[in-house]
Amino acid sequence: MTRLTTVGGSFAARVLQARLEDEGLTVALRGCVDSPYAFTVGAMGGVDVFVAEDDLEDAKLILLVTEVDSALDPAPAPGRPPAPWAARAFWILLIVILVLGIFPIIRMATGG
């Protein structure tokens, strides 16, 4: 087995393993995988992904194709506008707060 790459965390390692195995490659993970004492910060959270020596070039090509596909994916919208009911709820809540805050001031001003 030859090291292909190192990824951060067990989830990313499992996703890459599934992608490579889907293509028929032999994959092994070493490092912080599914441990109750999993470190997920910095280099301690790294998981080494190994493939069979015969599959190394194919695995590199699959990694390249995956990176190109992710680069060509359309960017997500920068944020969607709030739902109409959320805007209405905000304004209703604001009016209620203002009314409840103004009534005591009016009472104090009128001497009541």
PDB file of N, CA and C in Angstrom:
ATOM      1  N   MET A   1       0.845  -1.182   0.000  1.00  0.00           N
ATOM      2  CA  MET A   1       0.000   0.000   0.000  1.00  0.00           C
ATOM      3  C   MET A   1       0.891   1.246   0.000  1.00  0.00           C
ATOM      4  N   THR A   2       0.425   2.262  -0.723  1.00  0.00           N
ATOM      5  CA  THR A   2       1.154   3.518  -0.854  1.00  0.00           C
ATOM      6  C   THR A   2       0.261   4.660  -0.422  1.00  0.00           C
ATOM      7  N   ARG A   3       0.856   5.626   0.312  1.00  0.00           N
ATOM      8  CA  ARG A   3       0.057   6.767   0.782  1.00  0.00           C
ATOM      9  C   ARG A   3      -0.312   7.649  -0.400  1.00  0.00           C
ATOM     10  N   LEU A   4      -1.604   7.899  -0.520  1.00  0.00           N
ATOM     11  CA  LEU A   4      -2.116   8.770  -1.576  1.00  0.00           C
ATOM     12  C   LEU A   4      -2.165  10.214  -1.097  1.00  0.00           C
ATOM     13  N   THR A   5      -2.776  10.417   0.053  1.00  0.00           N
ATOM     14  CA  THR A   5      -2.934  11.763   0.589  1.00  0.00           C
ATOM     15  C   THR A   5      -3.272  11.686   2.065  1.00  0.00           C
ATOM     16  N   THR A   6      -3.311  12.828   2.697  1.00  0.00           N
ATOM     17  CA  THR A   6      -3.764  12.938   4.079  1.00  0.00           C
ATOM     18  C   THR A   6      -4.918  13.926   4.105  1.00  0.00           C
ATOM     19  N   VAL A   7      -6.019  13.535   4.737  1.00  0.00           N
ATOM     20  CA  VAL A   7      -7.186  14.405   4.835  1.00  0.00           C
ATOM     21  C   VAL A   7      -7.449  14.713   6.309  1.00  0.00           C
ATOM     22  N   GLY A   8      -8.198  15.758   6.538  1.00  0.00           N
ATOM     23  CA  GLY A   8      -8.495  16.182   7.896  1.00  0.00           C
ATOM     24  C   GLY A   8      -9.788  15.591   8.406  1.00  0.00           C
ATOM     25  N   GLY A   9      -9.705  14.637   9.286  1.00  0.00           N
ATOM     26  CA  GLY A   9     -10.886  14.089   9.939  1.00  0.00           C
ATOM     27  C   GLY A   9     -11.385  12.790   9.345  1.00  0.00           C
ATOM     28  N   SER A  10     -12.117  12.089  10.172  1.00  0.00           N
ATOM     29  CA  SER A  10     -12.652  10.780   9.809  1.00  0.00           C
ATOM     30  C   SER A  10     -13.711  10.869   8.716  1.00  0.00           C
ATOM     31  N   PHE A  11     -14.550  11.904   8.776  1.00  0.00           N
ATOM     32  CA  PHE A  11     -15.621  12.025   7.781  1.00  0.00           C
ATOM     33  C   PHE A  11     -15.053  12.204   6.380  1.00  0.00           C
ATOM     34  N   ALA A  12     -14.110  13.126   6.227  1.00  0.00           N
ATOM     35  CA  ALA A  12     -13.506  13.356   4.911  1.00  0.00           C
ATOM     36  C   ALA A  12     -12.802  12.104   4.407  1.00  0.00           C
ATOM     37  N   ALA A  13     -12.170  11.371   5.321  1.00  0.00           N
ATOM     38  CA  ALA A  13     -11.480  10.145   4.935  1.00  0.00           C
ATOM     39  C   ALA A  13     -12.468   9.098   4.442  1.00  0.00           C
ATOM     40  N   ARG A  14     -13.596   8.962   5.141  1.00  0.00           N
ATOM     41  CA  ARG A  14     -14.601   7.979   4.725  1.00  0.00           C
ATOM     42  C   ARG A  14     -15.230   8.341   3.378  1.00  0.00           C
ATOM     43  N   VAL A  15     -15.430   9.635   3.146  1.00  0.00           N
ATOM     44  CA  VAL A  15     -15.986  10.069   1.864  1.00  0.00           C
ATOM     45  C   VAL A  15     -15.023   9.742   0.738  1.00  0.00           C
ATOM     46  N   LEU A  16     -13.738  10.057   0.933  1.00  0.00           N
ATOM     47  CA  LEU A  16     -12.740   9.757  -0.091  1.00  0.00           C
ATOM     48  C   LEU A  16     -12.602   8.255  -0.295  1.00  0.00           C
ATOM     49  N   GLN A  17     -12.644   7.503   0.779  1.00  0.00           N
ATOM     50  CA  GLN A  17     -12.565   6.046   0.671  1.00  0.00           C
ATOM     51  C   GLN A  17     -13.726   5.513  -0.158  1.00  0.00           C
ATOM     52  N   ALA A  18     -14.920   6.002   0.092  1.00  0.00           N
ATOM     53  CA  ALA A  18     -16.085   5.551  -0.666  1.00  0.00           C
ATOM     54  C   ALA A  18     -15.953   5.908  -2.145  1.00  0.00           C
ATOM     55  N   ARG A  19     -15.432   7.105  -2.425  1.00  0.00           N
ATOM     56  CA  ARG A  19     -15.253   7.542  -3.816  1.00  0.00           C
ATOM     57  C   ARG A  19     -14.266   6.644  -4.543  1.00  0.00           C
ATOM     58  N   LEU A  20     -13.153   6.329  -3.890  1.00  0.00           N
ATOM     59  CA  LEU A  20     -12.140   5.487  -4.522  1.00  0.00           C
ATOM     60  C   LEU A  20     -12.607   4.040  -4.659  1.00  0.00           C
ATOM     61  N   GLU A  21     -13.260   3.527  -3.634  1.00  0.00           N
ATOM     62  CA  GLU A  21     -13.758   2.148  -3.711  1.00  0.00           C
ATOM     63  C   GLU A  21     -14.857   2.013  -4.746  1.00  0.00           C
ATOM     64  N   ASP A  22     -15.615   3.081  -4.966  1.00  0.00           N
ATOM     65  CA  ASP A  22     -16.646   3.066  -6.003  1.00  0.00           C
ATOM     66  C   ASP A  22     -16.022   2.885  -7.385  1.00  0.00           C
ATOM     67  N   GLU A  23     -14.792   3.342  -7.539  1.00  0.00           N
ATOM     68  CA  GLU A  23     -14.072   3.192  -8.799  1.00  0.00           C
ATOM     69  C   GLU A  23     -13.330   1.854  -8.876  1.00  0.00           C
ATOM     70  N   GLY A  24     -13.449   1.034  -7.828  1.00  0.00           N
ATOM     71  CA  GLY A  24     -12.846  -0.295  -7.840  1.00  0.00           C
ATOM     72  C   GLY A  24     -11.435  -0.361  -7.289  1.00  0.00           C
ATOM     73  N   LEU A  25     -11.006   0.651  -6.556  1.00  0.00           N
ATOM     74  CA  LEU A  25      -9.663   0.665  -5.999  1.00  0.00           C
ATOM     75  C   LEU A  25      -9.662   0.111  -4.580  1.00  0.00           C
ATOM     76  N   THR A  26      -8.518  -0.438  -4.183  1.00  0.00           N
ATOM     77  CA  THR A  26      -8.340  -0.939  -2.826  1.00  0.00           C
ATOM     78  C   THR A  26      -7.832   0.204  -1.962  1.00  0.00           C
ATOM     79  N   VAL A  27      -8.519   0.465  -0.848  1.00  0.00           N
ATOM     80  CA  VAL A  27      -8.217   1.627  -0.019  1.00  0.00           C
ATOM     81  C   VAL A  27      -8.080   1.198   1.437  1.00  0.00           C
ATOM     82  N   ALA A  28      -7.116   1.813   2.132  1.00  0.00           N
ATOM     83  CA  ALA A  28      -6.952   1.607   3.575  1.00  0.00           C
ATOM     84  C   ALA A  28      -6.762   2.979   4.221  1.00  0.00           C
ATOM     85  N   LEU A  29      -7.347   3.128   5.406  1.00  0.00           N
ATOM     86  CA  LEU A  29      -7.223   4.376   6.162  1.00  0.00           C
ATOM     87  C   LEU A  29      -6.390   4.119   7.404  1.00  0.00           C
ATOM     88  N   ARG A  30      -5.490   5.061   7.696  1.00  0.00           N
ATOM     89  CA  ARG A  30      -4.673   4.936   8.903  1.00  0.00           C
ATOM     90  C   ARG A  30      -4.614   6.294   9.583  1.00  0.00           C
ATOM     91  N   GLY A  31      -4.684   6.258  10.880  1.00  0.00           N
ATOM     92  CA  GLY A  31      -4.628   7.498  11.644  1.00  0.00           C
ATOM     93  C   GLY A  31      -5.823   7.586  12.562  1.00  0.00           C
ATOM     94  N   CYS A  32      -6.314   8.752  12.734  1.00  0.00           N
ATOM     95  CA  CYS A  32      -7.395   9.037  13.669  1.00  0.00           C
ATOM     96  C   CYS A  32      -8.756   8.728  13.027  1.00  0.00           C
ATOM     97  N   VAL A  33      -9.072   7.440  12.926  1.00  0.00           N
ATOM     98  CA  VAL A  33     -10.319   7.033  12.289  1.00  0.00           C
ATOM     99  C   VAL A  33     -11.196   6.316  13.313  1.00  0.00           C
ATOM    100  N   ASP A  34     -12.393   6.850  13.553  1.00  0.00           N
ATOM    101  CA  ASP A  34     -13.394   6.205  14.404  1.00  0.00           C
ATOM    102  C   ASP A  34     -12.857   5.803  15.773  1.00  0.00           C
ATOM    103  N   SER A  35     -12.085   6.650  16.363  1.00  0.00           N
ATOM    104  CA  SER A  35     -11.541   6.396  17.685  1.00  0.00           C
ATOM    105  C   SER A  35     -12.342   7.178  18.712  1.00  0.00           C
ATOM    106  N   PRO A  36     -12.568   6.612  19.890  1.00  0.00           N
ATOM    107  CA  PRO A  36     -13.262   7.398  20.908  1.00  0.00           C
ATOM    108  C   PRO A  36     -12.427   8.579  21.387  1.00  0.00           C
ATOM    109  N   TYR A  37     -11.129   8.548  21.105  1.00  0.00           N
ATOM    110  CA  TYR A  37     -10.236   9.629  21.493  1.00  0.00           C
ATOM    111  C   TYR A  37      -9.788  10.410  20.265  1.00  0.00           C
ATOM    112  N   ALA A  38     -10.708  10.615  19.340  1.00  0.00           N
ATOM    113  CA  ALA A  38     -10.366  11.254  18.067  1.00  0.00           C
ATOM    114  C   ALA A  38      -9.976  12.710  18.265  1.00  0.00           C
ATOM    115  N   PHE A  39      -8.824  13.062  17.734  1.00  0.00           N
ATOM    116  CA  PHE A  39      -8.383  14.451  17.701  1.00  0.00           C
ATOM    117  C   PHE A  39      -8.745  15.002  16.334  1.00  0.00           C
ATOM    118  N   THR A  40      -9.438  16.112  16.314  1.00  0.00           N
ATOM    119  CA  THR A  40      -9.874  16.650  15.032  1.00  0.00           C
ATOM    120  C   THR A  40      -9.280  18.025  14.768  1.00  0.00           C
ATOM    121  N   VAL A  41      -8.216  18.377  15.464  1.00  0.00           N
ATOM    122  CA  VAL A  41      -7.612  19.688  15.302  1.00  0.00           C
ATOM    123  C   VAL A  41      -6.199  19.530  14.772  1.00  0.00           C
ATOM    124  N   GLY A  42      -5.868  20.274  13.728  1.00  0.00           N
ATOM    125  CA  GLY A  42      -4.515  20.300  13.204  1.00  0.00           C
ATOM    126  C   GLY A  42      -4.039  18.965  12.672  1.00  0.00           C
ATOM    127  N   ALA A  43      -2.748  18.741  12.803  1.00  0.00           N
ATOM    128  CA  ALA A  43      -2.127  17.534  12.257  1.00  0.00           C
ATOM    129  C   ALA A  43      -2.567  16.273  12.997  1.00  0.00           C
ATOM    130  N   MET A  44      -3.015  16.425  14.236  1.00  0.00           N
ATOM    131  CA  MET A  44      -3.434  15.249  14.999  1.00  0.00           C
ATOM    132  C   MET A  44      -4.734  14.660  14.467  1.00  0.00           C
ATOM    133  N   GLY A  45      -5.498  15.442  13.709  1.00  0.00           N
ATOM    134  CA  GLY A  45      -6.749  14.954  13.145  1.00  0.00           C
ATOM    135  C   GLY A  45      -6.586  14.385  11.756  1.00  0.00           C
ATOM    136  N   GLY A  46      -5.362  14.328  11.268  1.00  0.00           N
ATOM    137  CA  GLY A  46      -5.115  13.836   9.907  1.00  0.00           C
ATOM    138  C   GLY A  46      -5.313  12.338   9.787  1.00  0.00           C
ATOM    139  N   VAL A  47      -5.877  11.944   8.651  1.00  0.00           N
ATOM    140  CA  VAL A  47      -6.057  10.524   8.339  1.00  0.00           C
ATOM    141  C   VAL A  47      -5.340  10.269   7.023  1.00  0.00           C
ATOM    142  N   ASP A  48      -4.421   9.316   7.035  1.00  0.00           N
ATOM    143  CA  ASP A  48      -3.700   8.958   5.818  1.00  0.00           C
ATOM    144  C   ASP A  48      -4.539   7.983   5.008  1.00  0.00           C
ATOM    145  N   VAL A  49      -4.626   8.252   3.712  1.00  0.00           N
ATOM    146  CA  VAL A  49      -5.375   7.400   2.784  1.00  0.00           C
ATOM    147  C   VAL A  49      -4.352   6.650   1.941  1.00  0.00           C
ATOM    148  N   PHE A  50      -4.409   5.340   2.026  1.00  0.00           N
ATOM    149  CA  PHE A  50      -3.483   4.484   1.287  1.00  0.00           C
ATOM    150  C   PHE A  50      -4.247   3.724   0.203  1.00  0.00           C
ATOM    151  N   VAL A  51      -3.562   3.512  -0.924  1.00  0.00           N
ATOM    152  CA  VAL A  51      -4.119   2.694  -2.004  1.00  0.00           C
ATOM    153  C   VAL A  51      -3.066   1.671  -2.409  1.00  0.00           C
ATOM    154  N   ALA A  52      -3.505   0.657  -3.117  1.00  0.00           N
ATOM    155  CA  ALA A  52      -2.566  -0.338  -3.619  1.00  0.00           C
ATOM    156  C   ALA A  52      -1.613   0.333  -4.608  1.00  0.00           C
ATOM    157  N   GLU A  53      -0.371  -0.129  -4.635  1.00  0.00           N
ATOM    158  CA  GLU A  53       0.626   0.501  -5.502  1.00  0.00           C
ATOM    159  C   GLU A  53       0.196   0.508  -6.961  1.00  0.00           C
ATOM    160  N   ASP A  54      -0.468  -0.541  -7.383  1.00  0.00           N
ATOM    161  CA  ASP A  54      -0.920  -0.619  -8.779  1.00  0.00           C
ATOM    162  C   ASP A  54      -2.019   0.397  -9.075  1.00  0.00           C
ATOM    163  N   ASP A  55      -2.739   0.843  -8.045  1.00  0.00           N
ATOM    164  CA  ASP A  55      -3.860   1.765  -8.235  1.00  0.00           C
ATOM    165  C   ASP A  55      -3.486   3.224  -8.001  1.00  0.00           C
ATOM    166  N   LEU A  56      -2.221   3.510  -7.721  1.00  0.00           N
ATOM    167  CA  LEU A  56      -1.823   4.860  -7.335  1.00  0.00           C
ATOM    168  C   LEU A  56      -2.121   5.896  -8.428  1.00  0.00           C
ATOM    169  N   GLU A  57      -1.763   5.618  -9.654  1.00  0.00           N
ATOM    170  CA  GLU A  57      -1.991   6.586 -10.733  1.00  0.00           C
ATOM    171  C   GLU A  57      -3.482   6.806 -10.968  1.00  0.00           C
ATOM    172  N   ASP A  58      -4.264   5.737 -10.915  1.00  0.00           N
ATOM    173  CA  ASP A  58      -5.715   5.880 -11.073  1.00  0.00           C
ATOM    174  C   ASP A  58      -6.305   6.715  -9.936  1.00  0.00           C
ATOM    175  N   ALA A  59      -5.810   6.497  -8.729  1.00  0.00           N
ATOM    176  CA  ALA A  59      -6.309   7.242  -7.575  1.00  0.00           C
ATOM    177  C   ALA A  59      -5.972   8.726  -7.697  1.00  0.00           C
ATOM    178  N   LYS A  60      -4.763   9.054  -8.182  1.00  0.00           N
ATOM    179  CA  LYS A  60      -4.395  10.456  -8.390  1.00  0.00           C
ATOM    180  C   LYS A  60      -5.290  11.103  -9.432  1.00  0.00           C
ATOM    181  N   LEU A  61      -5.609  10.364 -10.473  1.00  0.00           N
ATOM    182  CA  LEU A  61      -6.495  10.883 -11.510  1.00  0.00           C
ATOM    183  C   LEU A  61      -7.898  11.126 -10.953  1.00  0.00           C
ATOM    184  N   ILE A  62      -8.377  10.231 -10.111  1.00  0.00           N
ATOM    185  CA  ILE A  62      -9.699  10.400  -9.496  1.00  0.00           C
ATOM    186  C   ILE A  62      -9.713  11.627  -8.585  1.00  0.00           C
ATOM    187  N   LEU A  63      -8.634  11.840  -7.821  1.00  0.00           N
ATOM    188  CA  LEU A  63      -8.540  13.039  -6.982  1.00  0.00           C
ATOM    189  C   LEU A  63      -8.561  14.306  -7.835  1.00  0.00           C
ATOM    190  N   LEU A  64      -7.851  14.283  -8.956  1.00  0.00           N
ATOM    191  CA  LEU A  64      -7.818  15.439  -9.843  1.00  0.00           C
ATOM    192  C   LEU A  64      -9.186  15.722 -10.432  1.00  0.00           C
ATOM    193  N   VAL A  65      -9.864  14.692 -10.882  1.00  0.00           N
ATOM    194  CA  VAL A  65     -11.207  14.858 -11.453  1.00  0.00           C
ATOM    195  C   VAL A  65     -12.166  15.405 -10.402  1.00  0.00           C
ATOM    196  N   THR A  66     -12.066  14.919  -9.180  1.00  0.00           N
ATOM    197  CA  THR A  66     -12.926  15.389  -8.097  1.00  0.00           C
ATOM    198  C   THR A  66     -12.683  16.871  -7.817  1.00  0.00           C
ATOM    199  N   GLU A  67     -11.410  17.290  -7.803  1.00  0.00           N
ATOM    200  CA  GLU A  67     -11.097  18.700  -7.559  1.00  0.00           C
ATOM    201  C   GLU A  67     -11.587  19.579  -8.694  1.00  0.00           C
ATOM    202  N   VAL A  68     -11.445  19.122  -9.930  1.00  0.00           N
ATOM    203  CA  VAL A  68     -11.922  19.901 -11.073  1.00  0.00           C
ATOM    204  C   VAL A  68     -13.437  20.021 -11.027  1.00  0.00           C
ATOM    205  N   ASP A  69     -14.121  18.935 -10.712  1.00  0.00           N
ATOM    206  CA  ASP A  69     -15.588  18.981 -10.617  1.00  0.00           C
ATOM    207  C   ASP A  69     -16.042  19.956  -9.537  1.00  0.00           C
ATOM    208  N   SER A  70     -15.363  19.944  -8.396  1.00  0.00           N
ATOM    209  CA  SER A  70     -15.775  20.851  -7.324  1.00  0.00           C
ATOM    210  C   SER A  70     -15.458  22.303  -7.679  1.00  0.00           C
ATOM    211  N   ALA A  71     -14.409  22.529  -8.457  1.00  0.00           N
ATOM    212  CA  ALA A  71     -14.081  23.898  -8.872  1.00  0.00           C
ATOM    213  C   ALA A  71     -15.085  24.421  -9.894  1.00  0.00           C
ATOM    214  N   LEU A  72     -15.652  23.532 -10.695  1.00  0.00           N
ATOM    215  CA  LEU A  72     -16.594  23.954 -11.734  1.00  0.00           C
ATOM    216  C   LEU A  72     -18.033  24.033 -11.252  1.00  0.00           C
ATOM    217  N   ASP A  73     -18.298  23.562 -10.034  1.00  0.00           N
ATOM    218  CA  ASP A  73     -19.649  23.673  -9.482  1.00  0.00           C
ATOM    219  C   ASP A  73     -20.019  25.142  -9.351  1.00  0.00           C
ATOM    220  N   PRO A  74     -21.265  25.465  -9.659  1.00  0.00           N
ATOM    221  CA  PRO A  74     -21.653  26.868  -9.507  1.00  0.00           C
ATOM    222  C   PRO A  74     -21.594  27.287  -8.048  1.00  0.00           C
ATOM    223  N   ALA A  75     -21.198  28.517  -7.837  1.00  0.00           N
ATOM    224  CA  ALA A  75     -21.110  29.041  -6.471  1.00  0.00           C
ATOM    225  C   ALA A  75     -22.503  29.203  -5.893  1.00  0.00           C
ATOM    226  N   PRO A  76     -22.673  28.925  -4.621  1.00  0.00           N
ATOM    227  CA  PRO A  76     -23.991  29.117  -4.015  1.00  0.00           C
ATOM    228  C   PRO A  76     -24.357  30.592  -3.982  1.00  0.00           C
ATOM    229  N   ALA A  77     -25.626  30.849  -3.972  1.00  0.00           N
ATOM    230  CA  ALA A  77     -26.105  32.229  -3.905  1.00  0.00           C
ATOM    231  C   ALA A  77     -25.594  32.864  -2.610  1.00  0.00           C
ATOM    232  N   PRO A  78     -25.255  34.148  -2.642  1.00  0.00           N
ATOM    233  CA  PRO A  78     -24.670  34.781  -1.461  1.00  0.00           C
ATOM    234  C   PRO A  78     -25.619  34.907  -0.286  1.00  0.00           C
ATOM    235  N   GLY A  79     -26.797  34.484  -0.417  1.00  0.00           N
ATOM    236  CA  GLY A  79     -27.762  34.535   0.685  1.00  0.00           C
ATOM    237  C   GLY A  79     -29.139  34.775   0.114  1.00  0.00           C
ATOM    238  N   ARG A  80     -30.065  34.060   0.636  1.00  0.00           N
ATOM    239  CA  ARG A  80     -31.400  34.251   0.086  1.00  0.00           C
ATOM    240  C   ARG A  80     -32.180  35.201   0.984  1.00  0.00           C
ATOM    241  N   PRO A  81     -33.112  35.913   0.402  1.00  0.00           N
ATOM    242  CA  PRO A  81     -33.878  36.862   1.209  1.00  0.00           C
ATOM    243  C   PRO A  81     -34.750  36.122   2.214  1.00  0.00           C
ATOM    244  N   PRO A  82     -35.074  36.773   3.305  1.00  0.00           N
ATOM    245  CA  PRO A  82     -35.909  36.110   4.307  1.00  0.00           C
ATOM    246  C   PRO A  82     -37.303  35.834   3.746  1.00  0.00           C
ATOM    247  N   ALA A  83     -37.922  34.833   4.302  1.00  0.00           N
ATOM    248  CA  ALA A  83     -39.279  34.484   3.874  1.00  0.00           C
ATOM    249  C   ALA A  83     -40.224  35.628   4.213  1.00  0.00           C
ATOM    250  N   PRO A  84     -41.304  35.810   3.428  1.00  0.00           N
ATOM    251  CA  PRO A  84     -42.223  36.912   3.688  1.00  0.00           C
ATOM    252  C   PRO A  84     -42.802  36.885   5.106  1.00  0.00           C
ATOM    253  N   TRP A  85     -43.087  35.710   5.628  1.00  0.00           N
ATOM    254  CA  TRP A  85     -43.654  35.633   6.975  1.00  0.00           C
ATOM    255  C   TRP A  85     -42.642  36.081   8.014  1.00  0.00           C
ATOM    256  N   ALA A  86     -41.352  35.866   7.753  1.00  0.00           N
ATOM    257  CA  ALA A  86     -40.329  36.275   8.718  1.00  0.00           C
ATOM    258  C   ALA A  86     -40.247  37.798   8.790  1.00  0.00           C
ATOM    259  N   ALA A  87     -40.339  38.447   7.637  1.00  0.00           N
ATOM    260  CA  ALA A  87     -40.304  39.911   7.621  1.00  0.00           C
ATOM    261  C   ALA A  87     -41.522  40.483   8.344  1.00  0.00           C
ATOM    262  N   ARG A  88     -42.695  39.902   8.100  1.00  0.00           N
ATOM    263  CA  ARG A  88     -43.922  40.367   8.771  1.00  0.00           C
ATOM    264  C   ARG A  88     -43.821  40.165  10.276  1.00  0.00           C
ATOM    265  N   ALA A  89     -43.325  39.017  10.685  1.00  0.00           N
ATOM    266  CA  ALA A  89     -43.192  38.730  12.112  1.00  0.00           C
ATOM    267  C   ALA A  89     -42.232  39.722  12.767  1.00  0.00           C
ATOM    268  N   PHE A  90     -41.160  40.074  12.078  1.00  0.00           N
ATOM    269  CA  PHE A  90     -40.214  41.043  12.612  1.00  0.00           C
ATOM    270  C   PHE A  90     -40.891  42.396  12.837  1.00  0.00           C
ATOM    271  N   TRP A  91     -41.645  42.871  11.858  1.00  0.00           N
ATOM    272  CA  TRP A  91     -42.285  44.180  11.974  1.00  0.00           C
ATOM    273  C   TRP A  91     -43.372  44.179  13.046  1.00  0.00           C
ATOM    274  N   ILE A  92     -44.128  43.103  13.129  1.00  0.00           N
ATOM    275  CA  ILE A  92     -45.166  43.011  14.164  1.00  0.00           C
ATOM    276  C   ILE A  92     -44.518  43.031  15.548  1.00  0.00           C
ATOM    277  N   LEU A  93     -43.445  42.268  15.725  1.00  0.00           N
ATOM    278  CA  LEU A  93     -42.754  42.236  17.012  1.00  0.00           C
ATOM    279  C   LEU A  93     -42.177  43.612  17.352  1.00  0.00           C
ATOM    280  N   LEU A  94     -41.615  44.288  16.380  1.00  0.00           N
ATOM    281  CA  LEU A  94     -41.065  45.615  16.602  1.00  0.00           C
ATOM    282  C   LEU A  94     -42.155  46.603  17.031  1.00  0.00           C
ATOM    283  N   ILE A  95     -43.305  46.560  16.386  1.00  0.00           N
ATOM    284  CA  ILE A  95     -44.419  47.456  16.735  1.00  0.00           C
ATOM    285  C   ILE A  95     -44.919  47.174  18.149  1.00  0.00           C
ATOM    286  N   VAL A  96     -45.044  45.904  18.501  1.00  0.00           N
ATOM    287  CA  VAL A  96     -45.503  45.538  19.841  1.00  0.00           C
ATOM    288  C   VAL A  96     -44.522  46.051  20.899  1.00  0.00           C
ATOM    289  N   ILE A  97     -43.241  45.893  20.660  1.00  0.00           N
ATOM    290  CA  ILE A  97     -42.236  46.368  21.619  1.00  0.00           C
ATOM    291  C   ILE A  97     -42.301  47.883  21.751  1.00  0.00           C
ATOM    292  N   LEU A  98     -42.431  48.578  20.634  1.00  0.00           N
ATOM    293  CA  LEU A  98     -42.511  50.040  20.685  1.00  0.00           C
ATOM    294  C   LEU A  98     -43.768  50.501  21.422  1.00  0.00           C
ATOM    295  N   VAL A  99     -44.902  49.878  21.133  1.00  0.00           N
ATOM    296  CA  VAL A  99     -46.154  50.279  21.784  1.00  0.00           C
ATOM    297  C   VAL A  99     -46.072  50.027  23.282  1.00  0.00           C
ATOM    298  N   LEU A 100     -45.576  48.869  23.675  1.00  0.00           N
ATOM    299  CA  LEU A 100     -45.465  48.562  25.097  1.00  0.00           C
ATOM    300  C   LEU A 100     -44.445  49.477  25.789  1.00  0.00           C
ATOM    301  N   GLY A 101     -43.464  49.945  25.068  1.00  0.00           N
ATOM    302  CA  GLY A 101     -42.485  50.846  25.643  1.00  0.00           C
ATOM    303  C   GLY A 101     -42.959  52.284  25.696  1.00  0.00           C
ATOM    304  N   ILE A 102     -43.850  52.678  24.776  1.00  0.00           N
ATOM    305  CA  ILE A 102     -44.327  54.062  24.712  1.00  0.00           C
ATOM    306  C   ILE A 102     -45.443  54.316  25.728  1.00  0.00           C
ATOM    307  N   PHE A 103     -46.299  53.340  25.985  1.00  0.00           N
ATOM    308  CA  PHE A 103     -47.420  53.545  26.915  1.00  0.00           C
ATOM    309  C   PHE A 103     -46.979  54.027  28.295  1.00  0.00           C
ATOM    310  N   PRO A 104     -45.975  53.433  28.910  1.00  0.00           N
ATOM    311  CA  PRO A 104     -45.549  53.948  30.225  1.00  0.00           C
ATOM    312  C   PRO A 104     -45.033  55.385  30.145  1.00  0.00           C
ATOM    313  N   ILE A 105     -44.393  55.748  29.073  1.00  0.00           N
ATOM    314  CA  ILE A 105     -43.894  57.109  28.918  1.00  0.00           C
ATOM    315  C   ILE A 105     -45.041  58.093  28.788  1.00  0.00           C
ATOM    316  N   ILE A 106     -46.073  57.722  28.038  1.00  0.00           N
ATOM    317  CA  ILE A 106     -47.250  58.600  27.876  1.00  0.00           C
ATOM    318  C   ILE A 106     -47.964  58.741  29.221  1.00  0.00           C
ATOM    319  N   ARG A 107     -48.119  57.676  29.969  1.00  0.00           N
ATOM    320  CA  ARG A 107     -48.767  57.734  31.280  1.00  0.00           C
ATOM    321  C   ARG A 107     -48.018  58.664  32.222  1.00  0.00           C
ATOM    322  N   MET A 108     -46.695  58.563  32.216  1.00  0.00           N
ATOM    323  CA  MET A 108     -45.899  59.429  33.098  1.00  0.00           C
ATOM    324  C   MET A 108     -46.003  60.886  32.684  1.00  0.00           C
ATOM    325  N   ALA A 109     -46.085  61.157  31.382  1.00  0.00           N
ATOM    326  CA  ALA A 109     -46.158  62.521  30.887  1.00  0.00           C
ATOM    327  C   ALA A 109     -47.510  63.167  31.177  1.00  0.00           C
ATOM    328  N   THR A 110     -48.571  62.368  31.161  1.00  0.00           N
ATOM    329  CA  THR A 110     -49.904  62.918  31.400  1.00  0.00           C
ATOM    330  C   THR A 110     -50.273  62.903  32.872  1.00  0.00           C
ATOM    331  N   GLY A 111     -49.422  62.342  33.696  1.00  0.00           N
ATOM    332  CA  GLY A 111     -49.678  62.330  35.130  1.00  0.00           C
ATOM    333  C   GLY A 111     -50.612  61.206  35.534  1.00  0.00           C
ATOM    334  N   GLY A 112     -50.790  60.219  34.704  1.00  0.00           N
ATOM    335  CA  GLY A 112     -51.753  59.151  35.002  1.00  0.00           C
ATOM    336  C   GLY A 112     -51.177  57.932  35.490  1.00  0.00           C
TER     337      GLY A 112
END
